[in-house]
Amino acid sequence: MTLHGHRVVRRGATLADWLYQPAWHRQRLPAGTGPRLGGARVLLLAAGQARARPLVDALLRALHDAGADVRIAQDRDAGTEVPHAPDPVRLDVAHADDYVRLADRLQQDAWTPTHIVHTLCLDLGAAPTDDPRQRALAFDSLFHLAQVAGQEDWQDVRWLVLTADACQVSGELPSNPLAALSDGPMRVLPREVPGWRCGTLDVEAAALEGGRVDALAARILDELRAPGPAGAAAPTVALRGTGRFLQVMQAQGAGSGMGSGMV
């Protein structure tokens, strides 16, 4: 419609038409897509606390079985080193200079990552805390590594951050909300560096234990191989049981989805 020669945009009938909220849609990975990991150079920022160790160990085995060349960086305050990891780099996750040292070490070896898997959020406590180390595990570690990666001009890197019970998918209360700090860098980085493909994968904390870790590690590798447009908004995916859920933004007036996203 027009008013005195000027075009007028008709507004929505309610405020809800202008507001968006996160929702979850069940979505399978496309079958048979994505590159193989044989020859991939994977930088694994490895969690070291007891709860996360079975999954980290299973993930390392799965990457080696897939033919990936894996380098390990680990929080120096973590409980124990990852076994079968040749000469891992120990970091103060809150200290920017330690990431420069990591990059120098990789450069000396003429080794540049094609994939970065960040599992440090699995070492977070169960509740938010003012402990700077907790924030460093979820946010500072990604921020400092991204700074170094940009300075070193790492190109076409696939980033994947693992969290556990950080997302509210079907009404459950997130038990690890501090991990949501990692979501910010994953959404910003692909817009800052168009060649980077970033994403967050939230798993069930119960799956970190017992005989389920090998199956979970296989699913993580599937996500790591999943194709995605570089420079696009980073997807947040949650694995719940055998289901895979993708976070989308929908108008509040469009009806409620499952859950309400990261908190």
C-alpha atoms as a PDB file:
ATOM      1  CA  MET A   1       0.000   0.000   0.000  1.00  0.00           C
ATOM      2  CA  THR A   2       1.144   3.627  -0.416  1.00  0.00           C
ATOM      3  CA  LEU A   3       0.570   6.791   1.569  1.00  0.00           C
ATOM      4  CA  HIS A   4       1.149  10.211  -0.054  1.00  0.00           C
ATOM      5  CA  GLY A   5       3.385   8.639  -2.671  1.00  0.00           C
ATOM      6  CA  HIS A   6       5.499   6.705  -0.186  1.00  0.00           C
ATOM      7  CA  ARG A   7       5.573   2.956   0.058  1.00  0.00           C
ATOM      8  CA  VAL A   8       4.445   1.633   3.437  1.00  0.00           C
ATOM      9  CA  VAL A   9       5.426  -1.796   4.686  1.00  0.00           C
ATOM     10  CA  ARG A  10       2.446  -3.475   6.329  1.00  0.00           C
ATOM     11  CA  ARG A  11       3.357  -4.684   9.798  1.00  0.00           C
ATOM     12  CA  GLY A  12       2.531  -8.065  11.203  1.00  0.00           C
ATOM     13  CA  ALA A  13      -0.655  -8.410  13.168  1.00  0.00           C
ATOM     14  CA  THR A  14       1.100  -9.242  16.446  1.00  0.00           C
ATOM     15  CA  LEU A  15       4.448  -8.716  18.092  1.00  0.00           C
ATOM     16  CA  ALA A  16       5.076 -12.466  17.868  1.00  0.00           C
ATOM     17  CA  ASP A  17       5.332 -12.141  14.080  1.00  0.00           C
ATOM     18  CA  TRP A  18       8.495 -10.074  14.571  1.00  0.00           C
ATOM     19  CA  LEU A  19      10.151 -12.218  17.221  1.00  0.00           C
ATOM     20  CA  TYR A  20      12.084 -15.416  16.615  1.00  0.00           C
ATOM     21  CA  GLN A  21      13.045 -18.209  18.972  1.00  0.00           C
ATOM     22  CA  PRO A  22      15.222 -21.308  18.661  1.00  0.00           C
ATOM     23  CA  ALA A  23      13.484 -24.611  18.020  1.00  0.00           C
ATOM     24  CA  TRP A  24      14.645 -28.129  17.242  1.00  0.00           C
ATOM     25  CA  HIS A  25      13.822 -30.130  14.141  1.00  0.00           C
ATOM     26  CA  ARG A  26      14.650 -33.793  13.797  1.00  0.00           C
ATOM     27  CA  GLN A  27      16.952 -34.133  10.798  1.00  0.00           C
ATOM     28  CA  ARG A  28      19.085 -37.012   9.590  1.00  0.00           C
ATOM     29  CA  LEU A  29      22.515 -36.562   8.120  1.00  0.00           C
ATOM     30  CA  PRO A  30      22.461 -36.946   4.336  1.00  0.00           C
ATOM     31  CA  ALA A  31      23.489 -40.506   3.556  1.00  0.00           C
ATOM     32  CA  GLY A  32      26.850 -41.098   1.921  1.00  0.00           C
ATOM     33  CA  THR A  33      27.965 -37.479   1.901  1.00  0.00           C
ATOM     34  CA  GLY A  34      31.056 -35.742   3.162  1.00  0.00           C
ATOM     35  CA  PRO A  35      34.752 -36.354   2.590  1.00  0.00           C
ATOM     36  CA  ARG A  36      36.613 -39.245   4.143  1.00  0.00           C
ATOM     37  CA  LEU A  37      39.006 -38.453   6.946  1.00  0.00           C
ATOM     38  CA  GLY A  38      41.930 -40.432   5.539  1.00  0.00           C
ATOM     39  CA  GLY A  39      44.817 -37.966   5.374  1.00  0.00           C
ATOM     40  CA  ALA A  40      42.934 -35.310   7.344  1.00  0.00           C
ATOM     41  CA  ARG A  41      45.014 -33.388   9.873  1.00  0.00           C
ATOM     42  CA  VAL A  42      42.964 -33.163  13.049  1.00  0.00           C
ATOM     43  CA  LEU A  43      43.884 -30.953  15.984  1.00  0.00           C
ATOM     44  CA  LEU A  44      42.121 -32.404  19.022  1.00  0.00           C
ATOM     45  CA  LEU A  45      41.763 -30.185  22.082  1.00  0.00           C
ATOM     46  CA  ALA A  46      41.267 -33.019  24.496  1.00  0.00           C
ATOM     47  CA  ALA A  47      39.286 -33.014  27.713  1.00  0.00           C
ATOM     48  CA  GLY A  48      41.136 -34.763  30.508  1.00  0.00           C
ATOM     49  CA  GLN A  49      38.772 -35.173  33.443  1.00  0.00           C
ATOM     50  CA  ALA A  50      37.608 -38.653  34.353  1.00  0.00           C
ATOM     51  CA  ARG A  51      34.058 -38.243  33.046  1.00  0.00           C
ATOM     52  CA  ALA A  52      35.170 -37.295  29.549  1.00  0.00           C
ATOM     53  CA  ARG A  53      38.154 -39.604  29.152  1.00  0.00           C
ATOM     54  CA  PRO A  54      36.307 -42.663  27.787  1.00  0.00           C
ATOM     55  CA  LEU A  55      34.818 -40.622  24.938  1.00  0.00           C
ATOM     56  CA  VAL A  56      38.095 -38.822  24.180  1.00  0.00           C
ATOM     57  CA  ASP A  57      39.908 -42.154  24.040  1.00  0.00           C
ATOM     58  CA  ALA A  58      37.212 -43.632  21.769  1.00  0.00           C
ATOM     59  CA  LEU A  59      37.292 -40.569  19.537  1.00  0.00           C
ATOM     60  CA  LEU A  60      41.065 -40.767  19.196  1.00  0.00           C
ATOM     61  CA  ARG A  61      40.833 -44.462  18.244  1.00  0.00           C
ATOM     62  CA  ALA A  62      38.120 -43.724  15.687  1.00  0.00           C
ATOM     63  CA  LEU A  63      40.138 -40.929  14.106  1.00  0.00           C
ATOM     64  CA  HIS A  64      43.218 -43.139  13.847  1.00  0.00           C
ATOM     65  CA  ASP A  65      41.134 -45.973  12.356  1.00  0.00           C
ATOM     66  CA  ALA A  66      39.770 -43.499   9.782  1.00  0.00           C
ATOM     67  CA  GLY A  67      43.321 -42.655   8.710  1.00  0.00           C
ATOM     68  CA  ALA A  68      43.488 -39.172  10.215  1.00  0.00           C
ATOM     69  CA  ASP A  69      46.742 -37.603  11.387  1.00  0.00           C
ATOM     70  CA  VAL A  70      45.891 -36.397  14.923  1.00  0.00           C
ATOM     71  CA  ARG A  71      47.757 -33.921  17.093  1.00  0.00           C
ATOM     72  CA  ILE A  72      46.719 -33.452  20.733  1.00  0.00           C
ATOM     73  CA  ALA A  73      46.545 -30.288  22.822  1.00  0.00           C
ATOM     74  CA  GLN A  74      45.351 -30.633  26.392  1.00  0.00           C
ATOM     75  CA  ASP A  75      44.615 -28.442  29.388  1.00  0.00           C
ATOM     76  CA  ARG A  76      47.649 -28.695  31.638  1.00  0.00           C
ATOM     77  CA  ASP A  77      45.348 -28.807  34.679  1.00  0.00           C
ATOM     78  CA  ALA A  78      43.481 -31.840  33.326  1.00  0.00           C
ATOM     79  CA  GLY A  79      43.646 -35.017  35.362  1.00  0.00           C
ATOM     80  CA  THR A  80      45.765 -37.225  33.102  1.00  0.00           C
ATOM     81  CA  GLU A  81      47.252 -37.221  29.630  1.00  0.00           C
ATOM     82  CA  VAL A  82      45.485 -38.899  26.743  1.00  0.00           C
ATOM     83  CA  PRO A  83      47.028 -42.357  26.230  1.00  0.00           C
ATOM     84  CA  HIS A  84      48.626 -43.313  22.922  1.00  0.00           C
ATOM     85  CA  ALA A  85      49.006 -39.617  22.040  1.00  0.00           C
ATOM     86  CA  PRO A  86      52.532 -38.856  20.836  1.00  0.00           C
ATOM     87  CA  ASP A  87      53.960 -35.892  22.720  1.00  0.00           C
ATOM     88  CA  PRO A  88      50.774 -33.875  23.410  1.00  0.00           C
ATOM     89  CA  VAL A  89      51.048 -30.128  23.932  1.00  0.00           C
ATOM     90  CA  ARG A  90      49.995 -29.032  27.421  1.00  0.00           C
ATOM     91  CA  LEU A  91      48.243 -25.653  27.548  1.00  0.00           C
ATOM     92  CA  ASP A  92      47.130 -23.143  30.092  1.00  0.00           C
ATOM     93  CA  VAL A  93      43.753 -22.796  28.381  1.00  0.00           C
ATOM     94  CA  ALA A  94      43.301 -19.216  29.615  1.00  0.00           C
ATOM     95  CA  HIS A  95      46.720 -17.986  28.448  1.00  0.00           C
ATOM     96  CA  ALA A  96      46.985 -16.594  24.918  1.00  0.00           C
ATOM     97  CA  ASP A  97      50.754 -17.153  24.647  1.00  0.00           C
ATOM     98  CA  ASP A  98      50.286 -20.903  25.040  1.00  0.00           C
ATOM     99  CA  TYR A  99      48.321 -21.002  21.785  1.00  0.00           C
ATOM    100  CA  VAL A 100      51.102 -19.114  20.038  1.00  0.00           C
ATOM    101  CA  ARG A 101      53.474 -21.793  21.334  1.00  0.00           C
ATOM    102  CA  LEU A 102      51.118 -24.466  19.988  1.00  0.00           C
ATOM    103  CA  ALA A 103      51.050 -22.824  16.556  1.00  0.00           C
ATOM    104  CA  ASP A 104      54.845 -22.528  16.543  1.00  0.00           C
ATOM    105  CA  ARG A 105      55.132 -26.221  17.357  1.00  0.00           C
ATOM    106  CA  LEU A 106      52.826 -27.148  14.477  1.00  0.00           C
ATOM    107  CA  GLN A 107      54.629 -24.806  12.108  1.00  0.00           C
ATOM    108  CA  GLN A 108      57.975 -26.417  12.959  1.00  0.00           C
ATOM    109  CA  ASP A 109      56.458 -29.728  11.927  1.00  0.00           C
ATOM    110  CA  ALA A 110      55.051 -28.200   8.704  1.00  0.00           C
ATOM    111  CA  TRP A 111      51.646 -29.297   9.927  1.00  0.00           C
ATOM    112  CA  THR A 112      48.461 -27.253   9.461  1.00  0.00           C
ATOM    113  CA  PRO A 113      45.103 -28.607  10.657  1.00  0.00           C
ATOM    114  CA  THR A 114      42.244 -29.291   8.305  1.00  0.00           C
ATOM    115  CA  HIS A 115      39.934 -30.073  11.242  1.00  0.00           C
ATOM    116  CA  ILE A 116      39.755 -28.829  14.833  1.00  0.00           C
ATOM    117  CA  VAL A 117      37.784 -30.831  17.396  1.00  0.00           C
ATOM    118  CA  HIS A 118      37.288 -29.016  20.698  1.00  0.00           C
ATOM    119  CA  THR A 119      36.210 -31.237  23.614  1.00  0.00           C
ATOM    120  CA  LEU A 120      37.272 -29.025  26.519  1.00  0.00           C
ATOM    121  CA  CYS A 121      33.659 -28.198  27.389  1.00  0.00           C
ATOM    122  CA  LEU A 122      33.287 -31.799  28.520  1.00  0.00           C
ATOM    123  CA  ASP A 123      35.510 -30.875  31.491  1.00  0.00           C
ATOM    124  CA  LEU A 124      33.132 -28.188  32.731  1.00  0.00           C
ATOM    125  CA  GLY A 125      31.482 -28.459  36.116  1.00  0.00           C
ATOM    126  CA  ALA A 126      27.780 -29.197  36.342  1.00  0.00           C
ATOM    127  CA  ALA A 127      26.794 -25.655  37.345  1.00  0.00           C
ATOM    128  CA  PRO A 128      27.836 -22.123  36.316  1.00  0.00           C
ATOM    129  CA  THR A 129      30.752 -20.775  38.288  1.00  0.00           C
ATOM    130  CA  ASP A 130      32.838 -17.632  38.503  1.00  0.00           C
ATOM    131  CA  ASP A 131      35.999 -19.726  38.232  1.00  0.00           C
ATOM    132  CA  PRO A 132      37.956 -18.162  35.318  1.00  0.00           C
ATOM    133  CA  ARG A 133      39.186 -21.602  34.289  1.00  0.00           C
ATOM    134  CA  GLN A 134      35.621 -22.749  33.654  1.00  0.00           C
ATOM    135  CA  ARG A 135      35.053 -19.814  31.311  1.00  0.00           C
ATOM    136  CA  ALA A 136      38.403 -20.474  29.656  1.00  0.00           C
ATOM    137  CA  LEU A 137      37.423 -24.047  28.819  1.00  0.00           C
ATOM    138  CA  ALA A 138      34.261 -22.922  27.037  1.00  0.00           C
ATOM    139  CA  PHE A 139      35.194 -19.549  25.553  1.00  0.00           C
ATOM    140  CA  ASP A 140      38.764 -18.300  25.994  1.00  0.00           C
ATOM    141  CA  SER A 141      40.254 -21.471  24.517  1.00  0.00           C
ATOM    142  CA  LEU A 142      38.273 -20.974  21.304  1.00  0.00           C
ATOM    143  CA  PHE A 143      38.956 -17.241  21.200  1.00  0.00           C
ATOM    144  CA  HIS A 144      42.728 -17.600  21.608  1.00  0.00           C
ATOM    145  CA  LEU A 145      42.968 -20.502  19.168  1.00  0.00           C
ATOM    146  CA  ALA A 146      40.940 -18.605  16.565  1.00  0.00           C
ATOM    147  CA  GLN A 147      43.242 -15.602  16.932  1.00  0.00           C
ATOM    148  CA  VAL A 148      46.284 -17.769  16.292  1.00  0.00           C
ATOM    149  CA  ALA A 149      44.587 -19.604  13.418  1.00  0.00           C
ATOM    150  CA  GLY A 150      43.817 -16.291  11.756  1.00  0.00           C
ATOM    151  CA  GLN A 151      47.345 -14.994  12.232  1.00  0.00           C
ATOM    152  CA  GLU A 152      48.775 -18.225  10.823  1.00  0.00           C
ATOM    153  CA  ASP A 153      46.306 -18.077   7.926  1.00  0.00           C
ATOM    154  CA  TRP A 154      44.869 -21.543   8.459  1.00  0.00           C
ATOM    155  CA  GLN A 155      42.529 -22.005   5.516  1.00  0.00           C
ATOM    156  CA  ASP A 156      39.453 -24.196   4.964  1.00  0.00           C
ATOM    157  CA  VAL A 157      39.285 -25.481   8.527  1.00  0.00           C
ATOM    158  CA  ARG A 158      36.352 -27.502   9.860  1.00  0.00           C
ATOM    159  CA  TRP A 159      35.701 -26.655  13.529  1.00  0.00           C
ATOM    160  CA  LEU A 160      33.549 -28.857  15.752  1.00  0.00           C
ATOM    161  CA  VAL A 161      32.863 -28.114  19.426  1.00  0.00           C
ATOM    162  CA  LEU A 162      31.520 -30.885  21.640  1.00  0.00           C
ATOM    163  CA  THR A 163      29.299 -30.096  24.612  1.00  0.00           C
ATOM    164  CA  ALA A 164      27.272 -32.321  26.927  1.00  0.00           C
ATOM    165  CA  ASP A 165      23.732 -31.515  28.073  1.00  0.00           C
ATOM    166  CA  ALA A 166      24.130 -27.839  27.195  1.00  0.00           C
ATOM    167  CA  CYS A 167      20.965 -27.709  25.060  1.00  0.00           C
ATOM    168  CA  GLN A 168      17.317 -27.866  26.010  1.00  0.00           C
ATOM    169  CA  VAL A 169      15.856 -29.976  23.231  1.00  0.00           C
ATOM    170  CA  SER A 170      12.617 -31.427  24.565  1.00  0.00           C
ATOM    171  CA  GLY A 171      11.956 -29.542  27.765  1.00  0.00           C
ATOM    172  CA  GLU A 172      14.710 -31.083  29.899  1.00  0.00           C
ATOM    173  CA  LEU A 173      16.768 -28.749  32.075  1.00  0.00           C
ATOM    174  CA  PRO A 174      20.313 -28.290  30.752  1.00  0.00           C
ATOM    175  CA  SER A 175      22.777 -29.563  33.314  1.00  0.00           C
ATOM    176  CA  ASN A 176      25.783 -27.795  31.796  1.00  0.00           C
ATOM    177  CA  PRO A 177      24.622 -24.319  30.698  1.00  0.00           C
ATOM    178  CA  LEU A 178      28.087 -22.761  30.946  1.00  0.00           C
ATOM    179  CA  ALA A 179      29.016 -24.643  27.770  1.00  0.00           C
ATOM    180  CA  ALA A 180      26.707 -22.274  25.880  1.00  0.00           C
ATOM    181  CA  LEU A 181      29.583 -19.772  25.943  1.00  0.00           C
ATOM    182  CA  SER A 182      31.175 -21.785  23.139  1.00  0.00           C
ATOM    183  CA  ASP A 183      28.237 -21.098  20.849  1.00  0.00           C
ATOM    184  CA  GLY A 184      29.216 -17.460  20.302  1.00  0.00           C
ATOM    185  CA  PRO A 185      32.602 -18.074  18.670  1.00  0.00           C
ATOM    186  CA  MET A 186      31.162 -20.859  16.528  1.00  0.00           C
ATOM    187  CA  ARG A 187      28.545 -18.496  15.123  1.00  0.00           C
ATOM    188  CA  VAL A 188      30.919 -15.568  14.591  1.00  0.00           C
ATOM    189  CA  LEU A 189      34.025 -17.276  13.191  1.00  0.00           C
ATOM    190  CA  PRO A 190      32.585 -18.463   9.847  1.00  0.00           C
ATOM    191  CA  ARG A 191      31.431 -14.909   9.171  1.00  0.00           C
ATOM    192  CA  GLU A 192      34.859 -13.510   9.970  1.00  0.00           C
ATOM    193  CA  VAL A 193      36.763 -16.149   7.968  1.00  0.00           C
ATOM    194  CA  PRO A 194      34.594 -17.361   5.065  1.00  0.00           C
ATOM    195  CA  GLY A 195      36.682 -20.495   4.493  1.00  0.00           C
ATOM    196  CA  TRP A 196      35.958 -21.869   7.947  1.00  0.00           C
ATOM    197  CA  ARG A 197      33.050 -24.243   8.636  1.00  0.00           C
ATOM    198  CA  CYS A 198      32.027 -24.309  12.265  1.00  0.00           C
ATOM    199  CA  GLY A 199      29.473 -26.163  14.321  1.00  0.00           C
ATOM    200  CA  THR A 200      28.494 -27.287  17.812  1.00  0.00           C
ATOM    201  CA  LEU A 201      27.476 -30.832  18.682  1.00  0.00           C
ATOM    202  CA  ASP A 202      25.693 -31.408  21.988  1.00  0.00           C
ATOM    203  CA  VAL A 203      25.591 -34.973  23.288  1.00  0.00           C
ATOM    204  CA  GLU A 204      23.946 -36.588  26.276  1.00  0.00           C
ATOM    205  CA  ALA A 205      26.174 -36.678  29.340  1.00  0.00           C
ATOM    206  CA  ALA A 206      24.970 -40.209  30.048  1.00  0.00           C
ATOM    207  CA  ALA A 207      26.496 -41.328  26.750  1.00  0.00           C
ATOM    208  CA  LEU A 208      29.981 -40.398  27.981  1.00  0.00           C
ATOM    209  CA  GLU A 209      30.102 -43.490  30.146  1.00  0.00           C
ATOM    210  CA  GLY A 210      30.120 -47.224  29.702  1.00  0.00           C
ATOM    211  CA  GLY A 211      29.832 -49.098  26.439  1.00  0.00           C
ATOM    212  CA  ARG A 212      28.182 -46.296  24.473  1.00  0.00           C
ATOM    213  CA  VAL A 213      31.279 -44.241  23.754  1.00  0.00           C
ATOM    214  CA  ASP A 214      32.408 -46.125  20.646  1.00  0.00           C
ATOM    215  CA  ALA A 215      29.030 -45.656  18.971  1.00  0.00           C
ATOM    216  CA  LEU A 216      29.029 -41.999  19.995  1.00  0.00           C
ATOM    217  CA  ALA A 217      32.542 -41.489  18.616  1.00  0.00           C
ATOM    218  CA  ALA A 218      31.387 -42.922  15.276  1.00  0.00           C
ATOM    219  CA  ARG A 219      28.500 -40.433  15.200  1.00  0.00           C
ATOM    220  CA  ILE A 220      30.877 -37.568  15.992  1.00  0.00           C
ATOM    221  CA  LEU A 221      33.044 -38.550  13.016  1.00  0.00           C
ATOM    222  CA  ASP A 222      29.924 -38.537  10.837  1.00  0.00           C
ATOM    223  CA  GLU A 223      29.248 -34.961  11.956  1.00  0.00           C
ATOM    224  CA  LEU A 224      32.869 -34.020  11.327  1.00  0.00           C
ATOM    225  CA  ARG A 225      32.561 -35.285   7.752  1.00  0.00           C
ATOM    226  CA  ALA A 226      29.189 -33.633   7.165  1.00  0.00           C
ATOM    227  CA  PRO A 227      29.286 -31.103   4.333  1.00  0.00           C
ATOM    228  CA  GLY A 228      28.313 -27.534   4.992  1.00  0.00           C
ATOM    229  CA  PRO A 229      28.741 -24.230   3.194  1.00  0.00           C
ATOM    230  CA  ALA A 230      31.797 -22.293   4.302  1.00  0.00           C
ATOM    231  CA  GLY A 231      31.013 -18.909   5.801  1.00  0.00           C
ATOM    232  CA  ALA A 232      27.414 -19.872   6.599  1.00  0.00           C
ATOM    233  CA  ALA A 233      25.785 -19.692  10.001  1.00  0.00           C
ATOM    234  CA  ALA A 234      27.206 -22.437  12.180  1.00  0.00           C
ATOM    235  CA  PRO A 235      24.742 -25.247  12.874  1.00  0.00           C
ATOM    236  CA  THR A 236      24.010 -26.431  16.387  1.00  0.00           C
ATOM    237  CA  VAL A 237      23.139 -30.129  16.455  1.00  0.00           C
ATOM    238  CA  ALA A 238      21.999 -32.198  19.431  1.00  0.00           C
ATOM    239  CA  LEU A 239      22.141 -35.984  19.665  1.00  0.00           C
ATOM    240  CA  ARG A 240      19.424 -37.433  21.859  1.00  0.00           C
ATOM    241  CA  GLY A 241      19.104 -41.206  21.942  1.00  0.00           C
ATOM    242  CA  THR A 242      19.231 -42.323  18.331  1.00  0.00           C
ATOM    243  CA  GLY A 243      17.805 -38.999  17.157  1.00  0.00           C
ATOM    244  CA  ARG A 244      19.613 -36.056  15.616  1.00  0.00           C
ATOM    245  CA  PHE A 245      18.124 -32.591  16.090  1.00  0.00           C
ATOM    246  CA  LEU A 246      19.074 -29.383  14.277  1.00  0.00           C
ATOM    247  CA  GLN A 247      18.501 -26.004  15.900  1.00  0.00           C
ATOM    248  CA  VAL A 248      16.557 -23.547  13.750  1.00  0.00           C
ATOM    249  CA  MET A 249      15.103 -20.099  14.325  1.00  0.00           C
ATOM    250  CA  GLN A 250      11.365 -19.727  13.835  1.00  0.00           C
ATOM    251  CA  ALA A 251       8.846 -16.960  14.392  1.00  0.00           C
ATOM    252  CA  GLN A 252       7.159 -17.166  17.774  1.00  0.00           C
ATOM    253  CA  GLY A 253       3.807 -17.114  16.033  1.00  0.00           C
ATOM    254  CA  ALA A 254       4.727 -20.199  14.004  1.00  0.00           C
ATOM    255  CA  GLY A 255       4.100 -22.614  16.865  1.00  0.00           C
ATOM    256  CA  SER A 256       6.470 -24.102  19.371  1.00  0.00           C
ATOM    257  CA  GLY A 257       9.283 -26.472  18.477  1.00  0.00           C
ATOM    258  CA  MET A 258      11.043 -28.891  20.762  1.00  0.00           C
ATOM    259  CA  GLY A 259      12.822 -27.072  23.553  1.00  0.00           C
ATOM    260  CA  SER A 260      14.374 -23.637  23.444  1.00  0.00           C
ATOM    261  CA  GLY A 261      18.017 -24.058  22.523  1.00  0.00           C
ATOM    262  CA  MET A 262      21.197 -23.295  24.412  1.00  0.00           C
ATOM    263  CA  VAL A 263      20.890 -21.273  27.598  1.00  0.00           C
END
